Amino acid sequence: MDQSGPLVAVVDDDASVRESLPDLLHEFGYTVRAFSSAEAFIASDCVADTRCLIADIAMPGMSGFDMMLALTALGHDIPTIFMTGHADDDLRRRLMESDAVISLFKPFSEEVLLEAMEVALGQR
């Protein structure tokens, strides 16, 4: 694993996202690990080293939102960027009340993602 930049974890059940997003983030100097589920990320050996988490909200099993709550309960306060293609008023309210750094509604641009990364990593 390339250790050139901060470790970013991408958690999404969509294989195309798990392939394309890490490639993009590598281009901008980030070290990236991708996971197909919240459970797989929580069970991994990189939780403590993760500096930013990019997670889909709607996944089979544990949702991205529930994953963030579980990580917080375990003592891990990881800046989180949520991605979703399904936004209703209740979800928007829950996200605004949460500790998530930002929520991106699919599709989003490369520029929007990079701005969110800078905020999450305290570079803005």
PDB file of N, CA and C in Angstrom:
ATOM      1  N   MET A   1       0.852  -1.183   0.000  1.00  0.00           N
ATOM      2  CA  MET A   1       0.000   0.000   0.000  1.00  0.00           C
ATOM      3  C   MET A   1       0.888   1.232   0.000  1.00  0.00           C
ATOM      4  N   ASP A   2       0.602   2.161  -0.867  1.00  0.00           N
ATOM      5  CA  ASP A   2       1.338   3.420  -0.954  1.00  0.00           C
ATOM      6  C   ASP A   2       1.046   4.267   0.279  1.00  0.00           C
ATOM      7  N   GLN A   3       2.079   4.737   0.939  1.00  0.00           N
ATOM      8  CA  GLN A   3       1.900   5.526   2.156  1.00  0.00           C
ATOM      9  C   GLN A   3       2.215   6.997   1.921  1.00  0.00           C
ATOM     10  N   SER A   4       1.918   7.509   0.718  1.00  0.00           N
ATOM     11  CA  SER A   4       2.302   8.883   0.394  1.00  0.00           C
ATOM     12  C   SER A   4       1.410   9.947   1.025  1.00  0.00           C
ATOM     13  N   GLY A   5       0.177   9.635   1.310  1.00  0.00           N
ATOM     14  CA  GLY A   5      -0.741  10.645   1.837  1.00  0.00           C
ATOM     15  C   GLY A   5      -1.626  10.073   2.908  1.00  0.00           C
ATOM     16  N   PRO A   6      -2.523  10.910   3.452  1.00  0.00           N
ATOM     17  CA  PRO A   6      -3.423  10.447   4.511  1.00  0.00           C
ATOM     18  C   PRO A   6      -4.272   9.268   4.035  1.00  0.00           C
ATOM     19  N   LEU A   7      -4.534   8.348   4.949  1.00  0.00           N
ATOM     20  CA  LEU A   7      -5.342   7.180   4.606  1.00  0.00           C
ATOM     21  C   LEU A   7      -6.819   7.550   4.547  1.00  0.00           C
ATOM     22  N   VAL A   8      -7.429   7.250   3.411  1.00  0.00           N
ATOM     23  CA  VAL A   8      -8.849   7.474   3.180  1.00  0.00           C
ATOM     24  C   VAL A   8      -9.487   6.110   2.950  1.00  0.00           C
ATOM     25  N   ALA A   9     -10.583   5.840   3.627  1.00  0.00           N
ATOM     26  CA  ALA A   9     -11.319   4.590   3.417  1.00  0.00           C
ATOM     27  C   ALA A   9     -12.580   4.894   2.633  1.00  0.00           C
ATOM     28  N   VAL A  10     -12.818   4.119   1.593  1.00  0.00           N
ATOM     29  CA  VAL A  10     -14.031   4.222   0.784  1.00  0.00           C
ATOM     30  C   VAL A  10     -14.865   2.984   1.077  1.00  0.00           C
ATOM     31  N   VAL A  11     -16.107   3.194   1.531  1.00  0.00           N
ATOM     32  CA  VAL A  11     -16.996   2.082   1.856  1.00  0.00           C
ATOM     33  C   VAL A  11     -18.252   2.217   0.998  1.00  0.00           C
ATOM     34  N   ASP A  12     -18.410   1.285   0.059  1.00  0.00           N
ATOM     35  CA  ASP A  12     -19.561   1.330  -0.851  1.00  0.00           C
ATOM     36  C   ASP A  12     -19.803  -0.064  -1.387  1.00  0.00           C
ATOM     37  N   ASP A  13     -21.057  -0.475  -1.464  1.00  0.00           N
ATOM     38  CA  ASP A  13     -21.377  -1.792  -1.987  1.00  0.00           C
ATOM     39  C   ASP A  13     -21.324  -1.841  -3.516  1.00  0.00           C
ATOM     40  N   ASP A  14     -21.189  -0.708  -4.166  1.00  0.00           N
ATOM     41  CA  ASP A  14     -21.118  -0.627  -5.624  1.00  0.00           C
ATOM     42  C   ASP A  14     -19.665  -0.795  -6.069  1.00  0.00           C
ATOM     43  N   ALA A  15     -19.387  -1.897  -6.787  1.00  0.00           N
ATOM     44  CA  ALA A  15     -18.020  -2.203  -7.208  1.00  0.00           C
ATOM     45  C   ALA A  15     -17.420  -1.097  -8.076  1.00  0.00           C
ATOM     46  N   SER A  16     -18.222  -0.455  -8.915  1.00  0.00           N
ATOM     47  CA  SER A  16     -17.674   0.595  -9.786  1.00  0.00           C
ATOM     48  C   SER A  16     -17.172   1.784  -8.965  1.00  0.00           C
ATOM     49  N   VAL A  17     -17.853   2.099  -7.872  1.00  0.00           N
ATOM     50  CA  VAL A  17     -17.408   3.178  -6.988  1.00  0.00           C
ATOM     51  C   VAL A  17     -16.119   2.768  -6.282  1.00  0.00           C
ATOM     52  N   ARG A  18     -16.062   1.507  -5.820  1.00  0.00           N
ATOM     53  CA  ARG A  18     -14.871   1.016  -5.118  1.00  0.00           C
ATOM     54  C   ARG A  18     -13.654   0.965  -6.028  1.00  0.00           C
ATOM     55  N   GLU A  19     -13.867   0.931  -7.343  1.00  0.00           N
ATOM     56  CA  GLU A  19     -12.748   0.916  -8.277  1.00  0.00           C
ATOM     57  C   GLU A  19     -12.376   2.324  -8.729  1.00  0.00           C
ATOM     58  N   SER A  20     -13.367   3.143  -9.057  1.00  0.00           N
ATOM     59  CA  SER A  20     -13.074   4.459  -9.637  1.00  0.00           C
ATOM     60  C   SER A  20     -12.661   5.507  -8.600  1.00  0.00           C
ATOM     61  N   LEU A  21     -13.316   5.544  -7.466  1.00  0.00           N
ATOM     62  CA  LEU A  21     -13.016   6.561  -6.464  1.00  0.00           C
ATOM     63  C   LEU A  21     -11.589   6.437  -5.926  1.00  0.00           C
ATOM     64  N   PRO A  22     -11.120   5.239  -5.569  1.00  0.00           N
ATOM     65  CA  PRO A  22      -9.727   5.139  -5.124  1.00  0.00           C
ATOM     66  C   PRO A  22      -8.731   5.572  -6.203  1.00  0.00           C
ATOM     67  N   ASP A  23      -9.000   5.225  -7.465  1.00  0.00           N
ATOM     68  CA  ASP A  23      -8.099   5.654  -8.543  1.00  0.00           C
ATOM     69  C   ASP A  23      -7.999   7.176  -8.582  1.00  0.00           C
ATOM     70  N   LEU A  24      -9.135   7.855  -8.490  1.00  0.00           N
ATOM     71  CA  LEU A  24      -9.152   9.317  -8.502  1.00  0.00           C
ATOM     72  C   LEU A  24      -8.387   9.882  -7.307  1.00  0.00           C
ATOM     73  N   LEU A  25      -8.653   9.357  -6.128  1.00  0.00           N
ATOM     74  CA  LEU A  25      -8.008   9.872  -4.919  1.00  0.00           C
ATOM     75  C   LEU A  25      -6.502   9.615  -4.922  1.00  0.00           C
ATOM     76  N   HIS A  26      -6.071   8.476  -5.487  1.00  0.00           N
ATOM     77  CA  HIS A  26      -4.628   8.204  -5.623  1.00  0.00           C
ATOM     78  C   HIS A  26      -3.957   9.291  -6.462  1.00  0.00           C
ATOM     79  N   GLU A  27      -4.644   9.737  -7.524  1.00  0.00           N
ATOM     80  CA  GLU A  27      -4.094  10.779  -8.392  1.00  0.00           C
ATOM     81  C   GLU A  27      -3.804  12.064  -7.623  1.00  0.00           C
ATOM     82  N   PHE A  28      -4.535  12.296  -6.540  1.00  0.00           N
ATOM     83  CA  PHE A  28      -4.364  13.515  -5.749  1.00  0.00           C
ATOM     84  C   PHE A  28      -3.537  13.278  -4.485  1.00  0.00           C
ATOM     85  N   GLY A  29      -2.852  12.125  -4.421  1.00  0.00           N
ATOM     86  CA  GLY A  29      -1.897  11.885  -3.356  1.00  0.00           C
ATOM     87  C   GLY A  29      -2.406  11.192  -2.118  1.00  0.00           C
ATOM     88  N   TYR A  30      -3.638  10.711  -2.140  1.00  0.00           N
ATOM     89  CA  TYR A  30      -4.181  10.023  -0.979  1.00  0.00           C
ATOM     90  C   TYR A  30      -3.876   8.531  -1.027  1.00  0.00           C
ATOM     91  N   THR A  31      -3.687   7.928   0.126  1.00  0.00           N
ATOM     92  CA  THR A  31      -3.609   6.486   0.266  1.00  0.00           C
ATOM     93  C   THR A  31      -5.036   6.014   0.504  1.00  0.00           C
ATOM     94  N   VAL A  32      -5.477   5.013  -0.234  1.00  0.00           N
ATOM     95  CA  VAL A  32      -6.892   4.624  -0.175  1.00  0.00           C
ATOM     96  C   VAL A  32      -7.039   3.123   0.004  1.00  0.00           C
ATOM     97  N   ARG A  33      -7.982   2.750   0.865  1.00  0.00           N
ATOM     98  CA  ARG A  33      -8.432   1.365   0.988  1.00  0.00           C
ATOM     99  C   ARG A  33      -9.926   1.368   0.747  1.00  0.00           C
ATOM    100  N   ALA A  34     -10.406   0.396  -0.010  1.00  0.00           N
ATOM    101  CA  ALA A  34     -11.830   0.307  -0.331  1.00  0.00           C
ATOM    102  C   ALA A  34     -12.436  -0.938   0.305  1.00  0.00           C
ATOM    103  N   PHE A  35     -13.678  -0.797   0.756  1.00  0.00           N
ATOM    104  CA  PHE A  35     -14.396  -1.881   1.424  1.00  0.00           C
ATOM    105  C   PHE A  35     -15.801  -1.981   0.853  1.00  0.00           C
ATOM    106  N   SER A  36     -16.312  -3.218   0.754  1.00  0.00           N
ATOM    107  CA  SER A  36     -17.633  -3.445   0.165  1.00  0.00           C
ATOM    108  C   SER A  36     -18.770  -3.331   1.166  1.00  0.00           C
ATOM    109  N   SER A  37     -18.429  -3.210   2.461  1.00  0.00           N
ATOM    110  CA  SER A  37     -19.487  -3.098   3.465  1.00  0.00           C
ATOM    111  C   SER A  37     -18.959  -2.383   4.700  1.00  0.00           C
ATOM    112  N   ALA A  38     -19.891  -1.857   5.477  1.00  0.00           N
ATOM    113  CA  ALA A  38     -19.532  -1.214   6.744  1.00  0.00           C
ATOM    114  C   ALA A  38     -18.899  -2.227   7.686  1.00  0.00           C
ATOM    115  N   GLU A  39     -19.452  -3.418   7.704  1.00  0.00           N
ATOM    116  CA  GLU A  39     -18.924  -4.460   8.581  1.00  0.00           C
ATOM    117  C   GLU A  39     -17.472  -4.793   8.242  1.00  0.00           C
ATOM    118  N   ALA A  40     -17.153  -4.846   6.936  1.00  0.00           N
ATOM    119  CA  ALA A  40     -15.780  -5.157   6.514  1.00  0.00           C
ATOM    120  C   ALA A  40     -14.826  -4.051   6.955  1.00  0.00           C
ATOM    121  N   PHE A  41     -15.242  -2.805   6.857  1.00  0.00           N
ATOM    122  CA  PHE A  41     -14.373  -1.707   7.298  1.00  0.00           C
ATOM    123  C   PHE A  41     -14.143  -1.771   8.805  1.00  0.00           C
ATOM    124  N   ILE A  42     -15.207  -1.931   9.570  1.00  0.00           N
ATOM    125  CA  ILE A  42     -15.088  -1.963  11.034  1.00  0.00           C
ATOM    126  C   ILE A  42     -14.175  -3.107  11.478  1.00  0.00           C
ATOM    127  N   ALA A  43     -14.207  -4.235  10.766  1.00  0.00           N
ATOM    128  CA  ALA A  43     -13.387  -5.396  11.116  1.00  0.00           C
ATOM    129  C   ALA A  43     -11.953  -5.286  10.592  1.00  0.00           C
ATOM    130  N   SER A  44     -11.653  -4.262   9.804  1.00  0.00           N
ATOM    131  CA  SER A  44     -10.327  -4.146   9.184  1.00  0.00           C
ATOM    132  C   SER A  44      -9.271  -3.679  10.181  1.00  0.00           C
ATOM    133  N   ASP A  45      -8.026  -3.756   9.716  1.00  0.00           N
ATOM    134  CA  ASP A  45      -6.896  -3.325  10.545  1.00  0.00           C
ATOM    135  C   ASP A  45      -6.530  -1.859  10.322  1.00  0.00           C
ATOM    136  N   CYS A  46      -7.333  -1.129   9.564  1.00  0.00           N
ATOM    137  CA  CYS A  46      -6.952   0.252   9.250  1.00  0.00           C
ATOM    138  C   CYS A  46      -7.871   1.309   9.857  1.00  0.00           C
ATOM    139  N   VAL A  47      -8.830   0.918  10.679  1.00  0.00           N
ATOM    140  CA  VAL A  47      -9.761   1.890  11.244  1.00  0.00           C
ATOM    141  C   VAL A  47      -9.023   2.986  12.004  1.00  0.00           C
ATOM    142  N   ALA A  48      -8.098   2.613  12.851  1.00  0.00           N
ATOM    143  CA  ALA A  48      -7.396   3.596  13.689  1.00  0.00           C
ATOM    144  C   ALA A  48      -6.532   4.547  12.874  1.00  0.00           C
ATOM    145  N   ASP A  49      -6.081   4.110  11.691  1.00  0.00           N
ATOM    146  CA  ASP A  49      -5.215   4.945  10.851  1.00  0.00           C
ATOM    147  C   ASP A  49      -5.976   5.783   9.830  1.00  0.00           C
ATOM    148  N   THR A  50      -7.270   5.545   9.694  1.00  0.00           N
ATOM    149  CA  THR A  50      -8.075   6.245   8.688  1.00  0.00           C
ATOM    150  C   THR A  50      -8.280   7.699   9.097  1.00  0.00           C
ATOM    151  N   ARG A  51      -7.937   8.615   8.199  1.00  0.00           N
ATOM    152  CA  ARG A  51      -8.062  10.050   8.462  1.00  0.00           C
ATOM    153  C   ARG A  51      -9.333  10.637   7.876  1.00  0.00           C
ATOM    154  N   CYS A  52      -9.944   9.921   6.926  1.00  0.00           N
ATOM    155  CA  CYS A  52     -11.199  10.364   6.316  1.00  0.00           C
ATOM    156  C   CYS A  52     -11.929   9.133   5.814  1.00  0.00           C
ATOM    157  N   LEU A  53     -13.232   9.126   6.012  1.00  0.00           N
ATOM    158  CA  LEU A  53     -14.074   8.023   5.586  1.00  0.00           C
ATOM    159  C   LEU A  53     -15.073   8.559   4.570  1.00  0.00           C
ATOM    160  N   ILE A  54     -15.129   7.911   3.416  1.00  0.00           N
ATOM    161  CA  ILE A  54     -16.122   8.250   2.391  1.00  0.00           C
ATOM    162  C   ILE A  54     -17.031   7.043   2.281  1.00  0.00           C
ATOM    163  N   ALA A  55     -18.304   7.226   2.622  1.00  0.00           N
ATOM    164  CA  ALA A  55     -19.198   6.078   2.706  1.00  0.00           C
ATOM    165  C   ALA A  55     -20.539   6.335   2.046  1.00  0.00           C
ATOM    166  N   ASP A  56     -21.022   5.296   1.375  1.00  0.00           N
ATOM    167  CA  ASP A  56     -22.392   5.325   0.869  1.00  0.00           C
ATOM    168  C   ASP A  56     -23.316   5.192   2.076  1.00  0.00           C
ATOM    169  N   ILE A  57     -24.452   5.817   2.013  1.00  0.00           N
ATOM    170  CA  ILE A  57     -25.395   5.715   3.122  1.00  0.00           C
ATOM    171  C   ILE A  57     -26.202   4.429   3.025  1.00  0.00           C
ATOM    172  N   ALA A  58     -26.738   4.149   1.835  1.00  0.00           N
ATOM    173  CA  ALA A  58     -27.624   2.998   1.656  1.00  0.00           C
ATOM    174  C   ALA A  58     -26.827   1.794   1.170  1.00  0.00           C
ATOM    175  N   MET A  59     -26.557   0.881   2.106  1.00  0.00           N
ATOM    176  CA  MET A  59     -25.849  -0.360   1.773  1.00  0.00           C
ATOM    177  C   MET A  59     -26.588  -1.515   2.427  1.00  0.00           C
ATOM    178  N   PRO A  60     -26.480  -2.710   1.847  1.00  0.00           N
ATOM    179  CA  PRO A  60     -27.058  -3.880   2.506  1.00  0.00           C
ATOM    180  C   PRO A  60     -26.392  -4.074   3.872  1.00  0.00           C
ATOM    181  N   GLY A  61     -27.118  -4.586   4.824  1.00  0.00           N
ATOM    182  CA  GLY A  61     -26.559  -4.757   6.161  1.00  0.00           C
ATOM    183  C   GLY A  61     -26.522  -3.421   6.874  1.00  0.00           C
ATOM    184  N   MET A  62     -25.390  -3.086   7.445  1.00  0.00           N
ATOM    185  CA  MET A  62     -25.243  -1.840   8.195  1.00  0.00           C
ATOM    186  C   MET A  62     -25.144  -0.659   7.227  1.00  0.00           C
ATOM    187  N   SER A  63     -25.944   0.368   7.469  1.00  0.00           N
ATOM    188  CA  SER A  63     -25.894   1.570   6.621  1.00  0.00           C
ATOM    189  C   SER A  63     -24.642   2.382   6.946  1.00  0.00           C
ATOM    190  N   GLY A  64     -24.294   3.291   6.060  1.00  0.00           N
ATOM    191  CA  GLY A  64     -23.165   4.174   6.319  1.00  0.00           C
ATOM    192  C   GLY A  64     -23.373   5.017   7.561  1.00  0.00           C
ATOM    193  N   PHE A  65     -24.609   5.468   7.755  1.00  0.00           N
ATOM    194  CA  PHE A  65     -24.924   6.281   8.924  1.00  0.00           C
ATOM    195  C   PHE A  65     -24.747   5.465  10.204  1.00  0.00           C
ATOM    196  N   ASP A  66     -25.244   4.222  10.206  1.00  0.00           N
ATOM    197  CA  ASP A  66     -25.097   3.355  11.378  1.00  0.00           C
ATOM    198  C   ASP A  66     -23.634   2.998  11.617  1.00  0.00           C
ATOM    199  N   MET A  67     -22.858   2.870  10.530  1.00  0.00           N
ATOM    200  CA  MET A  67     -21.429   2.607  10.669  1.00  0.00           C
ATOM    201  C   MET A  67     -20.752   3.760  11.414  1.00  0.00           C
ATOM    202  N   MET A  68     -21.085   5.006  11.048  1.00  0.00           N
ATOM    203  CA  MET A  68     -20.492   6.162  11.721  1.00  0.00           C
ATOM    204  C   MET A  68     -20.838   6.144  13.210  1.00  0.00           C
ATOM    205  N   LEU A  69     -22.096   5.823  13.545  1.00  0.00           N
ATOM    206  CA  LEU A  69     -22.497   5.746  14.950  1.00  0.00           C
ATOM    207  C   LEU A  69     -21.739   4.643  15.689  1.00  0.00           C
ATOM    208  N   ALA A  70     -21.557   3.496  15.035  1.00  0.00           N
ATOM    209  CA  ALA A  70     -20.826   2.387  15.652  1.00  0.00           C
ATOM    210  C   ALA A  70     -19.361   2.749  15.871  1.00  0.00           C
ATOM    211  N   LEU A  71     -18.751   3.407  14.900  1.00  0.00           N
ATOM    212  CA  LEU A  71     -17.354   3.820  15.047  1.00  0.00           C
ATOM    213  C   LEU A  71     -17.199   4.809  16.196  1.00  0.00           C
ATOM    214  N   THR A  72     -18.127   5.744  16.296  1.00  0.00           N
ATOM    215  CA  THR A  72     -18.094   6.718  17.393  1.00  0.00           C
ATOM    216  C   THR A  72     -18.217   6.006  18.738  1.00  0.00           C
ATOM    217  N   ALA A  73     -19.106   5.022  18.812  1.00  0.00           N
ATOM    218  CA  ALA A  73     -19.286   4.260  20.055  1.00  0.00           C
ATOM    219  C   ALA A  73     -18.017   3.486  20.422  1.00  0.00           C
ATOM    220  N   LEU A  74     -17.232   3.105  19.406  1.00  0.00           N
ATOM    221  CA  LEU A  74     -15.973   2.390  19.638  1.00  0.00           C
ATOM    222  C   LEU A  74     -14.813   3.340  19.912  1.00  0.00           C
ATOM    223  N   GLY A  75     -15.088   4.651  19.916  1.00  0.00           N
ATOM    224  CA  GLY A  75     -14.051   5.632  20.209  1.00  0.00           C
ATOM    225  C   GLY A  75     -13.299   6.160  19.001  1.00  0.00           C
ATOM    226  N   HIS A  76     -13.811   5.915  17.803  1.00  0.00           N
ATOM    227  CA  HIS A  76     -13.168   6.391  16.578  1.00  0.00           C
ATOM    228  C   HIS A  76     -13.955   7.571  16.017  1.00  0.00           C
ATOM    229  N   ASP A  77     -13.356   8.736  16.055  1.00  0.00           N
ATOM    230  CA  ASP A  77     -14.000   9.951  15.544  1.00  0.00           C
ATOM    231  C   ASP A  77     -13.365  10.287  14.199  1.00  0.00           C
ATOM    232  N   ILE A  78     -13.856   9.647  13.142  1.00  0.00           N
ATOM    233  CA  ILE A  78     -13.281   9.795  11.806  1.00  0.00           C
ATOM    234  C   ILE A  78     -14.144  10.766  11.007  1.00  0.00           C
ATOM    235  N   PRO A  79     -13.547  11.841  10.470  1.00  0.00           N
ATOM    236  CA  PRO A  79     -14.326  12.732   9.606  1.00  0.00           C
ATOM    237  C   PRO A  79     -14.939  11.922   8.461  1.00  0.00           C
ATOM    238  N   THR A  80     -16.242  12.082   8.278  1.00  0.00           N
ATOM    239  CA  THR A  80     -16.975  11.243   7.325  1.00  0.00           C
ATOM    240  C   THR A  80     -17.667  12.078   6.266  1.00  0.00           C
ATOM    241  N   ILE A  81     -17.495  11.647   5.027  1.00  0.00           N
ATOM    242  CA  ILE A  81     -18.200  12.231   3.889  1.00  0.00           C
ATOM    243  C   ILE A  81     -19.175  11.160   3.413  1.00  0.00           C
ATOM    244  N   PHE A  82     -20.459  11.486   3.458  1.00  0.00           N
ATOM    245  CA  PHE A  82     -21.466  10.539   2.990  1.00  0.00           C
ATOM    246  C   PHE A  82     -21.806  10.810   1.534  1.00  0.00           C
ATOM    247  N   MET A  83     -22.077   9.717   0.819  1.00  0.00           N
ATOM    248  CA  MET A  83     -22.558   9.799  -0.560  1.00  0.00           C
ATOM    249  C   MET A  83     -23.921   9.123  -0.603  1.00  0.00           C
ATOM    250  N   THR A  84     -24.825   9.700  -1.354  1.00  0.00           N
ATOM    251  CA  THR A  84     -26.123   9.057  -1.525  1.00  0.00           C
ATOM    252  C   THR A  84     -26.767   9.481  -2.835  1.00  0.00           C
ATOM    253  N   GLY A  85     -27.509   8.575  -3.378  1.00  0.00           N
ATOM    254  CA  GLY A  85     -28.312   8.878  -4.551  1.00  0.00           C
ATOM    255  C   GLY A  85     -29.776   8.999  -4.185  1.00  0.00           C
ATOM    256  N   HIS A  86     -30.075   8.768  -2.901  1.00  0.00           N
ATOM    257  CA  HIS A  86     -31.459   8.776  -2.419  1.00  0.00           C
ATOM    258  C   HIS A  86     -31.567   9.748  -1.256  1.00  0.00           C
ATOM    259  N   ALA A  87     -32.110  10.897  -1.490  1.00  0.00           N
ATOM    260  CA  ALA A  87     -32.204  11.886  -0.412  1.00  0.00           C
ATOM    261  C   ALA A  87     -33.653  12.297  -0.203  1.00  0.00           C
ATOM    262  N   ASP A  88     -34.186  11.927   0.955  1.00  0.00           N
ATOM    263  CA  ASP A  88     -35.504  12.414   1.319  1.00  0.00           C
ATOM    264  C   ASP A  88     -35.341  13.394   2.477  1.00  0.00           C
ATOM    265  N   ASP A  89     -36.410  14.031   2.867  1.00  0.00           N
ATOM    266  CA  ASP A  89     -36.327  15.063   3.913  1.00  0.00           C
ATOM    267  C   ASP A  89     -35.832  14.497   5.243  1.00  0.00           C
ATOM    268  N   ASP A  90     -36.272  13.300   5.605  1.00  0.00           N
ATOM    269  CA  ASP A  90     -35.836  12.700   6.867  1.00  0.00           C
ATOM    270  C   ASP A  90     -34.333  12.427   6.842  1.00  0.00           C
ATOM    271  N   LEU A  91     -33.853  11.901   5.723  1.00  0.00           N
ATOM    272  CA  LEU A  91     -32.421  11.632   5.599  1.00  0.00           C
ATOM    273  C   LEU A  91     -31.617  12.927   5.664  1.00  0.00           C
ATOM    274  N   ARG A  92     -32.047  13.941   4.962  1.00  0.00           N
ATOM    275  CA  ARG A  92     -31.346  15.237   5.007  1.00  0.00           C
ATOM    276  C   ARG A  92     -31.269  15.765   6.448  1.00  0.00           C
ATOM    277  N   ARG A  93     -32.380  15.648   7.191  1.00  0.00           N
ATOM    278  CA  ARG A  93     -32.397  16.111   8.576  1.00  0.00           C
ATOM    279  C   ARG A  93     -31.410  15.321   9.427  1.00  0.00           C
ATOM    280  N   ARG A  94     -31.432  13.995   9.299  1.00  0.00           N
ATOM    281  CA  ARG A  94     -30.520  13.144  10.076  1.00  0.00           C
ATOM    282  C   ARG A  94     -29.064  13.477   9.754  1.00  0.00           C
ATOM    283  N   LEU A  95     -28.763  13.719   8.495  1.00  0.00           N
ATOM    284  CA  LEU A  95     -27.384  14.042   8.111  1.00  0.00           C
ATOM    285  C   LEU A  95     -26.949  15.386   8.677  1.00  0.00           C
ATOM    286  N   MET A  96     -27.844  16.361   8.639  1.00  0.00           N
ATOM    287  CA  MET A  96     -27.500  17.687   9.151  1.00  0.00           C
ATOM    288  C   MET A  96     -27.284  17.656  10.657  1.00  0.00           C
ATOM    289  N   GLU A  97     -27.989  16.758  11.358  1.00  0.00           N
ATOM    290  CA  GLU A  97     -27.855  16.643  12.811  1.00  0.00           C
ATOM    291  C   GLU A  97     -26.673  15.766  13.218  1.00  0.00           C
ATOM    292  N   SER A  98     -26.090  15.048  12.253  1.00  0.00           N
ATOM    293  CA  SER A  98     -25.003  14.123  12.569  1.00  0.00           C
ATOM    294  C   SER A  98     -23.664  14.848  12.583  1.00  0.00           C
ATOM    295  N   ASP A  99     -22.619  14.081  12.866  1.00  0.00           N
ATOM    296  CA  ASP A  99     -21.264  14.618  12.863  1.00  0.00           C
ATOM    297  C   ASP A  99     -20.598  14.495  11.499  1.00  0.00           C
ATOM    298  N   ALA A 100     -21.344  14.134  10.476  1.00  0.00           N
ATOM    299  CA  ALA A 100     -20.761  14.006   9.146  1.00  0.00           C
ATOM    300  C   ALA A 100     -20.193  15.350   8.713  1.00  0.00           C
ATOM    301  N   VAL A 101     -19.078  15.304   8.033  1.00  0.00           N
ATOM    302  CA  VAL A 101     -18.456  16.519   7.536  1.00  0.00           C
ATOM    303  C   VAL A 101     -19.317  17.135   6.450  1.00  0.00           C
ATOM    304  N   ILE A 102     -19.732  16.295   5.517  1.00  0.00           N
ATOM    305  CA  ILE A 102     -20.513  16.786   4.384  1.00  0.00           C
ATOM    306  C   ILE A 102     -21.244  15.607   3.753  1.00  0.00           C
ATOM    307  N   SER A 103     -22.316  15.889   3.077  1.00  0.00           N
ATOM    308  CA  SER A 103     -23.055  14.870   2.352  1.00  0.00           C
ATOM    309  C   SER A 103     -23.072  15.248   0.878  1.00  0.00           C
ATOM    310  N   LEU A 104     -22.680  14.297   0.040  1.00  0.00           N
ATOM    311  CA  LEU A 104     -22.660  14.519  -1.399  1.00  0.00           C
ATOM    312  C   LEU A 104     -23.790  13.711  -2.020  1.00  0.00           C
ATOM    313  N   PHE A 105     -24.528  14.365  -2.886  1.00  0.00           N
ATOM    314  CA  PHE A 105     -25.640  13.704  -3.544  1.00  0.00           C
ATOM    315  C   PHE A 105     -25.219  13.340  -4.959  1.00  0.00           C
ATOM    316  N   LYS A 106     -25.271  12.023  -5.256  1.00  0.00           N
ATOM    317  CA  LYS A 106     -24.823  11.503  -6.545  1.00  0.00           C
ATOM    318  C   LYS A 106     -25.739  11.989  -7.649  1.00  0.00           C
ATOM    319  N   PRO A 107     -25.179  12.283  -8.807  1.00  0.00           N
ATOM    320  CA  PRO A 107     -23.747  12.321  -9.108  1.00  0.00           C
ATOM    321  C   PRO A 107     -23.126  13.635  -8.629  1.00  0.00           C
ATOM    322  N   PHE A 108     -21.852  13.597  -8.280  1.00  0.00           N
ATOM    323  CA  PHE A 108     -21.153  14.803  -7.856  1.00  0.00           C
ATOM    324  C   PHE A 108     -19.858  14.913  -8.655  1.00  0.00           C
ATOM    325  N   SER A 109     -19.335  16.120  -8.737  1.00  0.00           N
ATOM    326  CA  SER A 109     -18.141  16.361  -9.550  1.00  0.00           C
ATOM    327  C   SER A 109     -16.874  16.054  -8.758  1.00  0.00           C
ATOM    328  N   GLU A 110     -15.808  15.887  -9.481  1.00  0.00           N
ATOM    329  CA  GLU A 110     -14.485  15.690  -8.888  1.00  0.00           C
ATOM    330  C   GLU A 110     -14.122  16.871  -7.996  1.00  0.00           C
ATOM    331  N   GLU A 111     -14.441  18.071  -8.441  1.00  0.00           N
ATOM    332  CA  GLU A 111     -14.115  19.279  -7.679  1.00  0.00           C
ATOM    333  C   GLU A 111     -14.843  19.311  -6.338  1.00  0.00           C
ATOM    334  N   VAL A 112     -16.122  18.933  -6.346  1.00  0.00           N
ATOM    335  CA  VAL A 112     -16.918  18.912  -5.114  1.00  0.00           C
ATOM    336  C   VAL A 112     -16.336  17.889  -4.140  1.00  0.00           C
ATOM    337  N   LEU A 113     -15.952  16.729  -4.639  1.00  0.00           N
ATOM    338  CA  LEU A 113     -15.356  15.703  -3.787  1.00  0.00           C
ATOM    339  C   LEU A 113     -14.043  16.198  -3.185  1.00  0.00           C
ATOM    340  N   LEU A 114     -13.194  16.799  -3.988  1.00  0.00           N
ATOM    341  CA  LEU A 114     -11.902  17.271  -3.485  1.00  0.00           C
ATOM    342  C   LEU A 114     -12.065  18.386  -2.463  1.00  0.00           C
ATOM    343  N   GLU A 115     -13.033  19.260  -2.661  1.00  0.00           N
ATOM    344  CA  GLU A 115     -13.320  20.290  -1.662  1.00  0.00           C
ATOM    345  C   GLU A 115     -13.769  19.653  -0.347  1.00  0.00           C
ATOM    346  N   ALA A 116     -14.610  18.630  -0.423  1.00  0.00           N
ATOM    347  CA  ALA A 116     -15.065  17.928   0.772  1.00  0.00           C
ATOM    348  C   ALA A 116     -13.897  17.251   1.474  1.00  0.00           C
ATOM    349  N   MET A 117     -12.969  16.685   0.699  1.00  0.00           N
ATOM    350  CA  MET A 117     -11.780  16.039   1.271  1.00  0.00           C
ATOM    351  C   MET A 117     -10.933  17.075   2.035  1.00  0.00           C
ATOM    352  N   GLU A 118     -10.753  18.244   1.458  1.00  0.00           N
ATOM    353  CA  GLU A 118      -9.968  19.291   2.118  1.00  0.00           C
ATOM    354  C   GLU A 118     -10.613  19.711   3.441  1.00  0.00           C
ATOM    355  N   VAL A 119     -11.934  19.831   3.449  1.00  0.00           N
ATOM    356  CA  VAL A 119     -12.650  20.171   4.683  1.00  0.00           C
ATOM    357  C   VAL A 119     -12.469  19.063   5.717  1.00  0.00           C
ATOM    358  N   ALA A 120     -12.664  17.820   5.282  1.00  0.00           N
ATOM    359  CA  ALA A 120     -12.569  16.677   6.203  1.00  0.00           C
ATOM    360  C   ALA A 120     -11.184  16.563   6.831  1.00  0.00           C
ATOM    361  N   LEU A 121     -10.168  16.866   6.046  1.00  0.00           N
ATOM    362  CA  LEU A 121      -8.800  16.713   6.530  1.00  0.00           C
ATOM    363  C   LEU A 121      -8.248  17.998   7.143  1.00  0.00           C
ATOM    364  N   GLY A 122      -9.128  18.990   7.309  1.00  0.00           N
ATOM    365  CA  GLY A 122      -8.715  20.235   7.972  1.00  0.00           C
ATOM    366  C   GLY A 122      -7.784  21.094   7.142  1.00  0.00           C
ATOM    367  N   GLN A 123      -7.842  20.946   5.832  1.00  0.00           N
ATOM    368  CA  GLN A 123      -6.981  21.726   4.944  1.00  0.00           C
ATOM    369  C   GLN A 123      -7.667  22.987   4.453  1.00  0.00           C
ATOM    370  N   ARG A 124      -8.896  23.203   4.896  1.00  0.00           N
ATOM    371  CA  ARG A 124      -9.650  24.402   4.510  1.00  0.00           C
ATOM    372  C   ARG A 124     -10.131  25.099   5.725  1.00  0.00           C
TER     373      ARG A 124
END
